[in-house]
Amino acid sequence: MALYRDPRDRRVFVPKPGGGLALNFGHPVAWVILVCTTIIPLVIVAAVTIAVIA
């Protein structure tokens, strides 16, 4: 399933046809979830790794 983006759909989590859930990237909360669970931890890990190596 490609990125689900429907701003008219008020759900943040949308059921996928084969089971499970997908984020509705037309909803601003989905972007907050993505940033808080993926991008911020990645930046922290990269910063700590660089600090240890340097």
Protein backbone atom coordinates (compact mmCIF):
# COMPACT_ATOMS: atom_id res chain seq x y z
CA MET A 1 0.00 0.00 0.00
CA ALA A 2 1.37 3.38 -0.98
CA LEU A 3 1.21 6.26 1.47
CA TYR A 4 -2.40 6.84 2.37
CA ARG A 5 -3.21 10.53 2.08
CA ASP A 6 -6.82 11.65 2.27
CA PRO A 7 -7.33 14.98 4.09
CA ARG A 8 -11.12 14.44 4.08
CA ASP A 9 -10.73 11.22 6.10
CA ARG A 10 -10.64 12.22 9.77
CA ARG A 11 -9.04 8.95 10.93
CA VAL A 12 -5.34 8.94 11.79
CA PHE A 13 -5.01 5.15 11.59
CA VAL A 14 -6.69 3.53 8.59
CA PRO A 15 -7.17 -0.25 8.30
CA LYS A 16 -5.22 -1.86 5.45
CA PRO A 17 -7.00 -4.38 3.20
CA GLY A 18 -4.73 -7.28 4.23
CA GLY A 19 -4.87 -6.42 7.92
CA GLY A 20 -2.99 -3.98 10.10
CA LEU A 21 -3.06 -0.22 10.14
CA ALA A 22 -1.63 2.56 8.01
CA LEU A 23 -1.14 6.21 8.89
CA ASN A 24 -3.26 8.77 7.05
CA PHE A 25 -0.63 11.33 6.02
CA GLY A 26 -3.38 13.78 5.13
CA HIS A 27 -3.88 14.23 8.89
CA PRO A 28 -1.36 16.43 10.77
CA VAL A 29 -1.21 14.05 13.76
CA ALA A 30 0.23 11.34 11.48
CA TRP A 31 3.19 13.60 10.71
CA VAL A 32 3.73 14.22 14.44
CA ILE A 33 3.69 10.46 15.07
CA LEU A 34 6.21 9.92 12.26
CA VAL A 35 8.57 12.62 13.54
CA CYS A 36 8.38 11.53 17.19
CA THR A 37 8.85 7.81 16.53
CA THR A 38 11.31 7.85 13.65
CA ILE A 39 13.12 11.08 12.88
CA ILE A 40 13.93 12.32 16.40
CA PRO A 41 15.30 8.93 17.58
CA LEU A 42 17.37 8.68 14.39
CA VAL A 43 18.89 12.10 15.04
CA ILE A 44 19.66 11.16 18.65
CA VAL A 45 21.35 7.90 17.63
CA ALA A 46 23.38 9.68 14.95
CA ALA A 47 24.47 12.41 17.38
CA VAL A 48 25.51 9.94 20.07
CA THR A 49 27.35 7.78 17.53
CA ILE A 50 29.26 10.79 16.21
CA ALA A 51 30.06 11.91 19.77
CA VAL A 52 31.43 8.47 20.68
CA ILE A 53 33.52 8.17 17.51
CA ALA A 54 34.93 11.72 17.71
